[in-house]
All heavy atoms as atom14 arrays in JSON, in Angstrom:
{
  "sequence": "SRDNAKNTVYLQMNSLKPEDTAVYYCKADEWNYRKGYGMDYWG",
  "atom14_mask": [
    [1, 1, 1, 1, 1, 1, 0, 0, 0, 0, 0, 0, 0, 0],
    [1, 1, 1, 1, 1, 1, 1, 1, 1, 1, 1, 0, 0, 0],
    [1, 1, 1, 1, 1, 1, 1, 1, 0, 0, 0, 0, 0, 0],
    [1, 1, 1, 1, 1, 1, 1, 1, 0, 0, 0, 0, 0, 0],
    [1, 1, 1, 1, 1, 0, 0, 0, 0, 0, 0, 0, 0, 0],
    [1, 1, 1, 1, 1, 1, 1, 1, 1, 0, 0, 0, 0, 0],
    [1, 1, 1, 1, 1, 1, 1, 1, 0, 0, 0, 0, 0, 0],
    [1, 1, 1, 1, 1, 1, 1, 0, 0, 0, 0, 0, 0, 0],
    [1, 1, 1, 1, 1, 1, 1, 0, 0, 0, 0, 0, 0, 0],
    [1, 1, 1, 1, 1, 1, 1, 1, 1, 1, 1, 1, 0, 0],
    [1, 1, 1, 1, 1, 1, 1, 1, 0, 0, 0, 0, 0, 0],
    [1, 1, 1, 1, 1, 1, 1, 1, 1, 0, 0, 0, 0, 0],
    [1, 1, 1, 1, 1, 1, 1, 1, 0, 0, 0, 0, 0, 0],
    [1, 1, 1, 1, 1, 1, 1, 1, 0, 0, 0, 0, 0, 0],
    [1, 1, 1, 1, 1, 1, 0, 0, 0, 0, 0, 0, 0, 0],
    [1, 1, 1, 1, 1, 1, 1, 1, 0, 0, 0, 0, 0, 0],
    [1, 1, 1, 1, 1, 1, 1, 1, 1, 0, 0, 0, 0, 0],
    [1, 1, 1, 1, 1, 1, 1, 0, 0, 0, 0, 0, 0, 0],
    [1, 1, 1, 1, 1, 1, 1, 1, 1, 0, 0, 0, 0, 0],
    [1, 1, 1, 1, 1, 1, 1, 1, 0, 0, 0, 0, 0, 0],
    [1, 1, 1, 1, 1, 1, 1, 0, 0, 0, 0, 0, 0, 0],
    [1, 1, 1, 1, 1, 0, 0, 0, 0, 0, 0, 0, 0, 0],
    [1, 1, 1, 1, 1, 1, 1, 0, 0, 0, 0, 0, 0, 0],
    [1, 1, 1, 1, 1, 1, 1, 1, 1, 1, 1, 1, 0, 0],
    [1, 1, 1, 1, 1, 1, 1, 1, 1, 1, 1, 1, 0, 0],
    [1, 1, 1, 1, 1, 1, 0, 0, 0, 0, 0, 0, 0, 0],
    [1, 1, 1, 1, 1, 1, 1, 1, 1, 0, 0, 0, 0, 0],
    [1, 1, 1, 1, 1, 0, 0, 0, 0, 0, 0, 0, 0, 0],
    [1, 1, 1, 1, 1, 1, 1, 1, 0, 0, 0, 0, 0, 0],
    [1, 1, 1, 1, 1, 1, 1, 1, 1, 0, 0, 0, 0, 0],
    [1, 1, 1, 1, 1, 1, 1, 1, 1, 1, 1, 1, 1, 1],
    [1, 1, 1, 1, 1, 1, 1, 1, 0, 0, 0, 0, 0, 0],
    [1, 1, 1, 1, 1, 1, 1, 1, 1, 1, 1, 1, 0, 0],
    [1, 1, 1, 1, 1, 1, 1, 1, 1, 1, 1, 0, 0, 0],
    [1, 1, 1, 1, 1, 1, 1, 1, 1, 0, 0, 0, 0, 0],
    [1, 1, 1, 1, 0, 0, 0, 0, 0, 0, 0, 0, 0, 0],
    [1, 1, 1, 1, 1, 1, 1, 1, 1, 1, 1, 1, 0, 0],
    [1, 1, 1, 1, 0, 0, 0, 0, 0, 0, 0, 0, 0, 0],
    [1, 1, 1, 1, 1, 1, 1, 1, 0, 0, 0, 0, 0, 0],
    [1, 1, 1, 1, 1, 1, 1, 1, 0, 0, 0, 0, 0, 0],
    [1, 1, 1, 1, 1, 1, 1, 1, 1, 1, 1, 1, 0, 0],
    [1, 1, 1, 1, 1, 1, 1, 1, 1, 1, 1, 1, 1, 1],
    [1, 1, 1, 1, 0, 0, 0, 0, 0, 0, 0, 0, 0, 0]
  ],
  "atom14_positions": [
    [[8.08, -0.04, 3.69], [8.53, -1.4, 3.94], [7.31, -2.31, 3.99], [6.17, -1.83, 4.11], [9.34, -1.5, 5.24], [8.55, -1.12, 6.36], [0.0, 0.0, 0.0], [0.0, 0.0, 0.0], [0.0, 0.0, 0.0], [0.0, 0.0, 0.0], [0.0, 0.0, 0.0], [0.0, 0.0, 0.0], [0.0, 0.0, 0.0], [0.0, 0.0, 0.0]],
    [[7.54, -3.6, 3.9], [6.42, -4.52, 3.93], [6.8, -5.84, 4.57], [7.96, -6.26, 4.54], [5.85, -4.75, 2.52], [6.81, -5.46, 1.57], [6.3, -5.45, 0.14], [5.11, -6.28, -0.04], [4.48, -6.44, -1.2], [4.91, -5.8, -2.29], [3.41, -7.23, -1.28], [0.0, 0.0, 0.0], [0.0, 0.0, 0.0], [0.0, 0.0, 0.0]],
    [[5.81, -6.47, 5.12], [5.93, -7.81, 5.66], [5.06, -8.69, 4.78], [3.83, -8.71, 4.93], [5.47, -7.85, 7.12], [5.68, -9.21, 7.76], [5.72, -10.22, 7.05], [5.81, -9.26, 9.01], [0.0, 0.0, 0.0], [0.0, 0.0, 0.0], [0.0, 0.0, 0.0], [0.0, 0.0, 0.0], [0.0, 0.0, 0.0], [0.0, 0.0, 0.0]],
    [[5.68, -9.38, 3.85], [4.93, -10.16, 2.88], [4.11, -11.28, 3.54], [3.01, -11.6, 3.08], [5.87, -10.76, 1.84], [6.46, -9.71, 0.92], [5.81, -8.72, 0.59], [7.7, -9.92, 0.49], [0.0, 0.0, 0.0], [0.0, 0.0, 0.0], [0.0, 0.0, 0.0], [0.0, 0.0, 0.0], [0.0, 0.0, 0.0], [0.0, 0.0, 0.0]],
    [[4.66, -11.88, 4.58], [3.97, -12.96, 5.26], [2.66, -12.49, 5.88], [1.7, -13.25, 5.99], [4.86, -13.58, 6.32], [0.0, 0.0, 0.0], [0.0, 0.0, 0.0], [0.0, 0.0, 0.0], [0.0, 0.0, 0.0], [0.0, 0.0, 0.0], [0.0, 0.0, 0.0], [0.0, 0.0, 0.0], [0.0, 0.0, 0.0], [0.0, 0.0, 0.0]],
    [[2.63, -11.23, 6.28], [1.44, -10.66, 6.92], [0.64, -9.77, 5.98], [-0.37, -9.21, 6.39], [1.85, -9.86, 8.15], [2.5, -10.69, 9.24], [2.86, -9.83, 10.44], [3.49, -10.66, 11.54], [3.85, -9.84, 12.72], [0.0, 0.0, 0.0], [0.0, 0.0, 0.0], [0.0, 0.0, 0.0], [0.0, 0.0, 0.0], [0.0, 0.0, 0.0]],
    [[1.12, -9.65, 4.74], [0.46, -8.78, 3.76], [0.22, -7.38, 4.34], [-0.88, -6.82, 4.24], [-0.85, -9.39, 3.27], [-0.63, -10.53, 2.3], [0.25, -10.46, 1.44], [-1.43, -11.58, 2.41], [0.0, 0.0, 0.0], [0.0, 0.0, 0.0], [0.0, 0.0, 0.0], [0.0, 0.0, 0.0], [0.0, 0.0, 0.0], [0.0, 0.0, 0.0]],
    [[1.26, -6.86, 4.93], [1.19, -5.56, 5.57], [2.28, -4.65, 5.02], [3.42, -5.08, 4.84], [1.34, -5.69, 7.09], [0.29, -6.52, 7.6], [1.26, -4.33, 7.76], [0.0, 0.0, 0.0], [0.0, 0.0, 0.0], [0.0, 0.0, 0.0], [0.0, 0.0, 0.0], [0.0, 0.0, 0.0], [0.0, 0.0, 0.0], [0.0, 0.0, 0.0]],
    [[1.92, -3.42, 4.76], [2.87, -2.42, 4.29], [2.91, -1.28, 5.29], [1.89, -0.94, 5.9], [2.53, -1.92, 2.87], [1.19, -1.18, 2.86], [3.64, -1.05, 2.31], [0.0, 0.0, 0.0], [0.0, 0.0, 0.0], [0.0, 0.0, 0.0], [0.0, 0.0, 0.0], [0.0, 0.0, 0.0], [0.0, 0.0, 0.0], [0.0, 0.0, 0.0]],
    [[4.09, -0.69, 5.45], [4.28, 0.39, 6.4], [4.85, 1.61, 5.69], [5.5, 1.51, 4.65], [5.24, -0.02, 7.51], [4.87, -1.3, 8.21], [5.36, -2.53, 7.76], [4.02, -1.3, 9.31], [5.02, -3.7, 8.4], [3.67, -2.47, 9.94], [4.17, -3.67, 9.49], [3.83, -4.85, 10.12], [0.0, 0.0, 0.0], [0.0, 0.0, 0.0]],
    [[4.62, 2.75, 6.27], [5.21, 3.98, 5.79], [5.73, 4.75, 6.99], [4.93, 5.29, 7.77], [4.22, 4.83, 5.0], [4.8, 6.08, 4.34], [5.76, 5.69, 3.22], [3.69, 6.97, 3.79], [0.0, 0.0, 0.0], [0.0, 0.0, 0.0], [0.0, 0.0, 0.0], [0.0, 0.0, 0.0], [0.0, 0.0, 0.0], [0.0, 0.0, 0.0]],
    [[7.03, 4.76, 7.15], [7.66, 5.53, 8.21], [7.9, 6.94, 7.69], [8.61, 7.13, 6.71], [8.98, 4.9, 8.64], [9.73, 5.65, 9.73], [8.99, 5.67, 11.04], [8.52, 4.64, 11.5], [8.88, 6.85, 11.65], [0.0, 0.0, 0.0], [0.0, 0.0, 0.0], [0.0, 0.0, 0.0], [0.0, 0.0, 0.0], [0.0, 0.0, 0.0]],
    [[7.32, 7.91, 8.35], [7.41, 9.29, 7.92], [8.17, 10.09, 8.96], [7.73, 10.22, 10.1], [6.02, 9.88, 7.69], [5.17, 9.09, 6.72], [3.56, 9.86, 6.39], [2.8, 9.68, 8.02], [0.0, 0.0, 0.0], [0.0, 0.0, 0.0], [0.0, 0.0, 0.0], [0.0, 0.0, 0.0], [0.0, 0.0, 0.0], [0.0, 0.0, 0.0]],
    [[9.31, 10.63, 8.56], [10.14, 11.44, 9.44], [10.25, 12.85, 8.89], [9.97, 13.1, 7.72], [11.54, 10.82, 9.57], [11.53, 9.45, 10.18], [10.72, 9.14, 11.06], [12.45, 8.6, 9.74], [0.0, 0.0, 0.0], [0.0, 0.0, 0.0], [0.0, 0.0, 0.0], [0.0, 0.0, 0.0], [0.0, 0.0, 0.0], [0.0, 0.0, 0.0]],
    [[10.67, 13.75, 9.74], [10.85, 15.16, 9.35], [9.62, 15.68, 8.63], [9.71, 16.3, 7.57], [12.09, 15.3, 8.46], [13.25, 14.86, 9.12], [0.0, 0.0, 0.0], [0.0, 0.0, 0.0], [0.0, 0.0, 0.0], [0.0, 0.0, 0.0], [0.0, 0.0, 0.0], [0.0, 0.0, 0.0], [0.0, 0.0, 0.0], [0.0, 0.0, 0.0]],
    [[8.48, 15.44, 9.21], [7.23, 15.82, 8.58], [7.1, 17.32, 8.44], [7.54, 18.09, 9.3], [6.06, 15.26, 9.38], [5.81, 13.76, 9.18], [4.94, 13.2, 10.3], [5.15, 13.52, 7.82], [0.0, 0.0, 0.0], [0.0, 0.0, 0.0], [0.0, 0.0, 0.0], [0.0, 0.0, 0.0], [0.0, 0.0, 0.0], [0.0, 0.0, 0.0]],
    [[6.49, 17.71, 7.34], [6.27, 19.11, 7.02], [4.77, 19.36, 6.89], [4.01, 18.44, 6.61], [6.96, 19.46, 5.7], [8.44, 19.15, 5.65], [8.99, 19.4, 4.26], [10.46, 19.06, 4.18], [11.01, 19.28, 2.81], [0.0, 0.0, 0.0], [0.0, 0.0, 0.0], [0.0, 0.0, 0.0], [0.0, 0.0, 0.0], [0.0, 0.0, 0.0]],
    [[4.36, 20.61, 7.06], [2.93, 20.92, 6.9], [2.39, 20.48, 5.54], [1.22, 20.08, 5.45], [2.89, 22.44, 7.05], [4.02, 22.73, 7.98], [5.11, 21.78, 7.55], [0.0, 0.0, 0.0], [0.0, 0.0, 0.0], [0.0, 0.0, 0.0], [0.0, 0.0, 0.0], [0.0, 0.0, 0.0], [0.0, 0.0, 0.0], [0.0, 0.0, 0.0]],
    [[3.21, 20.53, 4.5], [2.77, 20.12, 3.18], [2.55, 18.62, 3.05], [2.03, 18.15, 2.03], [3.74, 20.6, 2.09], [5.19, 20.27, 2.36], [5.96, 21.42, 2.98], [5.43, 22.04, 3.92], [7.09, 21.7, 2.51], [0.0, 0.0, 0.0], [0.0, 0.0, 0.0], [0.0, 0.0, 0.0], [0.0, 0.0, 0.0], [0.0, 0.0, 0.0]],
    [[2.93, 17.86, 4.07], [2.66, 16.43, 4.08], [1.24, 16.14, 4.55], [0.79, 14.99, 4.49], [3.64, 15.69, 4.99], [5.06, 15.73, 4.46], [5.26, 15.56, 3.25], [5.99, 15.91, 5.28], [0.0, 0.0, 0.0], [0.0, 0.0, 0.0], [0.0, 0.0, 0.0], [0.0, 0.0, 0.0], [0.0, 0.0, 0.0], [0.0, 0.0, 0.0]],
    [[0.56, 17.16, 5.03], [-0.81, 16.99, 5.5], [-1.69, 16.48, 4.37], [-1.76, 17.09, 3.31], [-1.36, 18.31, 6.04], [-0.63, 18.7, 7.2], [-2.83, 18.17, 6.41], [0.0, 0.0, 0.0], [0.0, 0.0, 0.0], [0.0, 0.0, 0.0], [0.0, 0.0, 0.0], [0.0, 0.0, 0.0], [0.0, 0.0, 0.0], [0.0, 0.0, 0.0]],
    [[-2.34, 15.36, 4.6], [-3.17, 14.74, 3.58], [-3.85, 13.51, 4.15], [-3.51, 13.04, 5.23], [-2.33, 14.34, 2.37], [0.0, 0.0, 0.0], [0.0, 0.0, 0.0], [0.0, 0.0, 0.0], [0.0, 0.0, 0.0], [0.0, 0.0, 0.0], [0.0, 0.0, 0.0], [0.0, 0.0, 0.0], [0.0, 0.0, 0.0], [0.0, 0.0, 0.0]],
    [[-4.8, 13.0, 3.4], [-5.34, 11.68, 3.69], [-4.46, 10.69, 2.95], [-4.25, 10.82, 1.74], [-6.8, 11.53, 3.24], [-7.28, 10.11, 3.46], [-7.69, 12.51, 4.0], [0.0, 0.0, 0.0], [0.0, 0.0, 0.0], [0.0, 0.0, 0.0], [0.0, 0.0, 0.0], [0.0, 0.0, 0.0], [0.0, 0.0, 0.0], [0.0, 0.0, 0.0]],
    [[-3.93, 9.73, 3.67], [-3.05, 8.74, 3.08], [-3.81, 7.46, 2.83], [-4.47, 6.92, 3.73], [-1.85, 8.48, 4.0], [-0.84, 9.59, 3.96], [-1.11, 10.83, 4.53], [0.4, 9.41, 3.34], [-0.19, 11.86, 4.48], [1.33, 10.43, 3.28], [1.03, 11.66, 3.85], [1.95, 12.68, 3.79], [0.0, 0.0, 0.0], [0.0, 0.0, 0.0]],
    [[-3.71, 6.96, 1.6], [-4.43, 5.77, 1.18], [-3.48, 4.64, 0.85], [-2.44, 4.85, 0.23], [-5.28, 6.05, -0.06], [-6.35, 7.09, 0.13], [-6.1, 8.44, -0.12], [-7.63, 6.73, 0.56], [-7.08, 9.4, 0.04], [-8.62, 7.68, 0.72], [-8.33, 9.01, 0.46], [-9.31, 9.97, 0.62], [0.0, 0.0, 0.0], [0.0, 0.0, 0.0]],
    [[-3.85, 3.46, 1.24], [-3.1, 2.27, 0.92], [-3.72, 1.6, -0.31], [-4.95, 1.54, -0.44], [-3.13, 1.31, 2.11], [-2.33, -0.29, 1.84], [0.0, 0.0, 0.0], [0.0, 0.0, 0.0], [0.0, 0.0, 0.0], [0.0, 0.0, 0.0], [0.0, 0.0, 0.0], [0.0, 0.0, 0.0], [0.0, 0.0, 0.0], [0.0, 0.0, 0.0]],
    [[-2.88, 1.13, -1.21], [-3.35, 0.38, -2.37], [-2.57, -0.92, -2.5], [-1.36, -0.94, -2.29], [-3.19, 1.2, -3.66], [-3.83, 0.55, -4.87], [-3.6, 1.32, -6.15], [-2.24, 1.02, -6.72], [-2.07, 1.6, -8.08], [0.0, 0.0, 0.0], [0.0, 0.0, 0.0], [0.0, 0.0, 0.0], [0.0, 0.0, 0.0], [0.0, 0.0, 0.0]],
    [[-3.26, -1.97, -2.83], [-2.63, -3.27, -3.04], [-3.15, -3.9, -4.31], [-4.34, -3.78, -4.64], [-2.88, -4.19, -1.86], [0.0, 0.0, 0.0], [0.0, 0.0, 0.0], [0.0, 0.0, 0.0], [0.0, 0.0, 0.0], [0.0, 0.0, 0.0], [0.0, 0.0, 0.0], [0.0, 0.0, 0.0], [0.0, 0.0, 0.0], [0.0, 0.0, 0.0]],
    [[-2.27, -4.55, -5.03], [-2.61, -5.26, -6.26], [-2.52, -6.75, -6.0], [-1.43, -7.26, -5.71], [-1.68, -4.83, -7.39], [-1.91, -5.6, -8.67], [-3.05, -6.07, -8.9], [-0.96, -5.75, -9.47], [0.0, 0.0, 0.0], [0.0, 0.0, 0.0], [0.0, 0.0, 0.0], [0.0, 0.0, 0.0], [0.0, 0.0, 0.0], [0.0, 0.0, 0.0]],
    [[-3.64, -7.43, -6.1], [-3.66, -8.87, -5.96], [-3.54, -9.5, -7.33], [-4.37, -9.25, -8.21], [-4.95, -9.35, -5.28], [-4.98, -10.86, -5.05], [-6.31, -11.36, -4.51], [-7.35, -10.85, -4.95], [-6.29, -12.27, -3.64], [0.0, 0.0, 0.0], [0.0, 0.0, 0.0], [0.0, 0.0, 0.0], [0.0, 0.0, 0.0], [0.0, 0.0, 0.0]],
    [[-2.51, -10.29, -7.52], [-2.3, -10.92, -8.81], [-2.95, -12.3, -8.84], [-2.56, -13.21, -8.11], [-0.8, -11.05, -9.1], [-0.53, -11.71, -10.42], [-0.03, -12.95, -10.65], [-0.79, -11.15, -11.72], [0.05, -13.2, -11.99], [-0.41, -12.12, -12.68], [-1.29, -9.92, -12.15], [-0.52, -11.9, -14.05], [-1.41, -9.7, -13.52], [-1.03, -10.67, -14.44]],
    [[-3.94, -12.42, -9.71], [-4.63, -13.68, -9.92], [-3.93, -14.42, -11.05], [-4.22, -14.17, -12.23], [-6.1, -13.43, -10.25], [-6.92, -14.71, -10.31], [-6.42, -15.78, -10.64], [-8.21, -14.59, -9.99], [0.0, 0.0, 0.0], [0.0, 0.0, 0.0], [0.0, 0.0, 0.0], [0.0, 0.0, 0.0], [0.0, 0.0, 0.0], [0.0, 0.0, 0.0]],
    [[-3.02, -15.3, -10.69], [-2.26, -16.0, -11.72], [-3.1, -16.99, -12.5], [-2.73, -17.37, -13.61], [-1.05, -16.71, -11.09], [-1.39, -17.74, -10.04], [-1.71, -19.05, -10.4], [-1.38, -17.41, -8.69], [-2.02, -20.0, -9.44], [-1.69, -18.35, -7.73], [-2.0, -19.63, -8.1], [-2.31, -20.58, -7.14], [0.0, 0.0, 0.0], [0.0, 0.0, 0.0]],
    [[-4.22, -17.39, -11.94], [-5.09, -18.32, -12.64], [-5.8, -17.64, -13.8], [-6.06, -18.27, -14.83], [-6.12, -18.91, -11.67], [-5.51, -19.77, -10.58], [-6.56, -20.29, -9.63], [-7.5, -21.19, -10.29], [-8.59, -21.69, -9.71], [-8.87, -21.37, -8.45], [-9.39, -22.5, -10.4], [0.0, 0.0, 0.0], [0.0, 0.0, 0.0], [0.0, 0.0, 0.0]],
    [[-6.12, -16.38, -13.63], [-6.81, -15.64, -14.67], [-5.87, -14.75, -15.47], [-6.24, -14.25, -16.52], [-7.94, -14.8, -14.08], [-9.06, -15.63, -13.48], [-10.21, -14.76, -13.04], [-11.36, -15.61, -12.53], [-12.52, -14.76, -12.11], [0.0, 0.0, 0.0], [0.0, 0.0, 0.0], [0.0, 0.0, 0.0], [0.0, 0.0, 0.0], [0.0, 0.0, 0.0]],
    [[-4.69, -14.53, -14.96], [-3.71, -13.75, -15.68], [-3.86, -12.25, -15.58], [-3.42, -11.52, -16.48], [0.0, 0.0, 0.0], [0.0, 0.0, 0.0], [0.0, 0.0, 0.0], [0.0, 0.0, 0.0], [0.0, 0.0, 0.0], [0.0, 0.0, 0.0], [0.0, 0.0, 0.0], [0.0, 0.0, 0.0], [0.0, 0.0, 0.0], [0.0, 0.0, 0.0]],
    [[-4.48, -11.78, -14.52], [-4.57, -10.34, -14.31], [-4.63, -10.01, -12.83], [-4.9, -10.87, -12.0], [-5.8, -9.75, -15.02], [-7.14, -10.23, -14.49], [-7.72, -9.63, -13.39], [-7.82, -11.26, -15.12], [-8.95, -10.07, -12.9], [-9.04, -11.7, -14.65], [-9.6, -11.1, -13.54], [-10.82, -11.53, -13.08], [0.0, 0.0, 0.0], [0.0, 0.0, 0.0]],
    [[-4.35, -8.77, -12.53], [-4.39, -8.31, -11.17], [-5.57, -7.39, -10.92], [-6.18, -6.87, -11.85], [0.0, 0.0, 0.0], [0.0, 0.0, 0.0], [0.0, 0.0, 0.0], [0.0, 0.0, 0.0], [0.0, 0.0, 0.0], [0.0, 0.0, 0.0], [0.0, 0.0, 0.0], [0.0, 0.0, 0.0], [0.0, 0.0, 0.0], [0.0, 0.0, 0.0]],
    [[-5.89, -7.22, -9.66], [-6.98, -6.33, -9.28], [-6.52, -5.43, -8.14], [-5.93, -5.89, -7.17], [-8.21, -7.13, -8.85], [-9.41, -6.28, -8.49], [-10.92, -7.25, -8.26], [-11.24, -7.76, -9.95], [0.0, 0.0, 0.0], [0.0, 0.0, 0.0], [0.0, 0.0, 0.0], [0.0, 0.0, 0.0], [0.0, 0.0, 0.0], [0.0, 0.0, 0.0]],
    [[-6.78, -4.15, -8.3], [-6.38, -3.17, -7.3], [-7.44, -3.02, -6.21], [-8.63, -3.02, -6.48], [-6.13, -1.8, -7.94], [-4.9, -1.77, -8.8], [-4.04, -2.67, -8.66], [-4.78, -0.85, -9.63], [0.0, 0.0, 0.0], [0.0, 0.0, 0.0], [0.0, 0.0, 0.0], [0.0, 0.0, 0.0], [0.0, 0.0, 0.0], [0.0, 0.0, 0.0]],
    [[-6.96, -2.84, -4.99], [-7.83, -2.59, -3.86], [-7.32, -1.37, -3.11], [-6.11, -1.14, -3.01], [-7.87, -3.8, -2.92], [-8.48, -5.03, -3.55], [-7.68, -5.95, -4.23], [-9.84, -5.27, -3.47], [-8.24, -7.07, -4.82], [-10.4, -6.4, -4.05], [-9.6, -7.29, -4.72], [-10.16, -8.4, -5.31], [0.0, 0.0, 0.0], [0.0, 0.0, 0.0]],
    [[-8.24, -0.61, -2.58], [-7.91, 0.62, -1.86], [-8.44, 0.6, -0.44], [-9.54, 0.11, -0.17], [-8.51, 1.83, -2.57], [-7.86, 2.17, -3.87], [-8.16, 1.64, -5.1], [-6.82, 3.12, -4.09], [-7.36, 2.2, -6.06], [-6.53, 3.12, -5.47], [-6.11, 3.97, -3.25], [-5.56, 3.94, -6.02], [-5.14, 4.79, -3.8], [-4.87, 4.77, -5.17]],
    [[-7.66, 1.16, 0.45], [-8.13, 1.37, 1.8], [-8.96, 2.64, 1.86], [-9.05, 3.39, 0.88], [0.0, 0.0, 0.0], [0.0, 0.0, 0.0], [0.0, 0.0, 0.0], [0.0, 0.0, 0.0], [0.0, 0.0, 0.0], [0.0, 0.0, 0.0], [0.0, 0.0, 0.0], [0.0, 0.0, 0.0], [0.0, 0.0, 0.0], [0.0, 0.0, 0.0]]
  ]
}
């Protein structure tokens, strides 16, 4: 889910399994409408 006003995204994880063990990374694409392309950013 996301809160667009706050530019925040959430991931609610239920019924977790050992195979879910990992480093979780957030990625966001900022769309530059002035230049006509987007740029990806990683946490």
